[in-house]
Protein backbone atom coordinates (compact mmCIF):
# COMPACT_ATOMS: atom_id res chain seq x y z
CA MET A 1 108.26 105.39 128.00
CA ALA A 2 111.57 104.38 126.54
CA ASP A 3 112.14 101.23 128.62
CA PRO A 4 109.07 99.40 129.96
CA ARG A 5 111.31 97.22 132.16
CA SER A 6 112.28 100.26 134.23
CA ALA A 7 108.80 101.77 134.39
CA ASP A 8 107.54 103.01 137.74
CA VAL A 9 104.47 100.76 137.90
CA PRO A 10 103.01 98.33 140.44
CA PRO A 11 104.65 94.87 140.57
CA ALA A 12 101.71 93.15 138.82
CA ASP A 13 101.89 95.63 135.94
CA GLN A 14 105.65 95.09 135.72
CA ALA A 15 105.14 91.32 135.53
CA MET A 16 102.63 91.86 132.72
CA LEU A 17 105.02 94.17 130.84
CA ASP A 18 107.91 91.73 131.29
CA TYR A 19 105.79 88.90 129.90
CA ALA A 20 104.56 90.98 126.94
CA LEU A 21 108.12 92.01 126.07
CA THR A 22 109.36 88.44 126.29
CA LEU A 23 106.49 87.15 124.16
CA THR A 24 107.16 89.88 121.59
CA GLN A 25 110.96 89.80 121.49
CA ALA A 26 111.76 86.15 122.23
CA PRO A 27 108.59 84.04 122.11
CA HIS A 28 110.59 80.81 121.99
CA THR A 29 111.78 81.50 125.54
CA VAL A 30 108.30 81.56 127.10
CA THR A 31 107.94 78.55 129.42
CA ALA A 32 105.62 77.29 132.13
CA GLU A 33 107.80 79.22 134.58
CA THR A 34 107.23 82.42 132.60
CA VAL A 35 103.48 81.94 132.95
CA ALA A 36 103.87 80.98 136.62
CA ALA A 37 105.44 84.39 137.23
CA LEU A 38 102.17 85.98 136.07
CA ARG A 39 100.20 83.75 138.44
CA GLY A 40 102.60 84.75 141.21
CA ALA A 41 101.82 88.39 140.44
CA GLY A 42 98.11 87.71 140.97
CA PHE A 43 96.83 87.02 137.44
CA ASP A 44 94.37 84.16 136.96
CA ASP A 45 94.19 81.94 133.88
CA ARG A 46 91.68 84.21 132.12
CA ALA A 47 93.83 87.30 132.65
CA ILE A 48 96.94 85.44 131.45
CA HIS A 49 95.06 84.34 128.34
CA ASP A 50 93.96 87.91 127.68
CA ILE A 51 97.49 89.29 128.16
CA CYS A 52 98.83 86.67 125.77
CA ALA A 53 96.07 87.21 123.19
CA VAL A 54 96.39 90.99 123.14
CA THR A 55 100.18 90.82 122.90
CA ALA A 56 100.09 88.22 120.13
CA TYR A 57 97.36 90.04 118.19
CA TYR A 58 99.27 93.32 118.31
CA ALA A 59 102.36 91.58 116.94
CA PHE A 60 100.27 89.85 114.26
CA VAL A 61 98.70 93.09 113.05
CA ASN A 62 102.08 94.81 112.98
CA ARG A 63 103.54 91.96 110.89
CA ILE A 64 100.67 92.24 108.41
CA ALA A 65 101.17 96.02 108.15
CA ASP A 66 104.94 95.63 107.78
CA GLY A 67 104.50 92.88 105.21
CA LEU A 68 102.25 95.09 103.12
CA GLY A 69 104.54 98.10 103.38
CA VAL A 70 102.00 100.16 105.31
CA GLU A 71 103.59 103.32 106.70
CA LEU A 72 102.57 105.15 109.84
CA GLU A 73 100.45 108.24 109.39
CA GLU A 74 102.46 111.41 109.82
CA ARG A 75 100.92 112.16 113.24
CA PHE A 76 102.20 108.84 114.64
CA ARG A 77 105.75 109.05 113.36
CA PRO A 78 108.49 109.70 115.90
């Protein structure tokens, strides 16, 4: 999917994608209101923690790989 913000997914999934994109692209903009939007979409504190942890871990691992000059295997290259 080229643009997760225009994905045809249920509203809760869209809220999760929006949050993950914000946390990845502009983490300094995440506020209590950002998290409240996830609660409004039906996520409890545990689910919000898990969404945050998975998103942050993915970014962390990618930074480590980028920092070490690791290249994608041929089968994963666009």
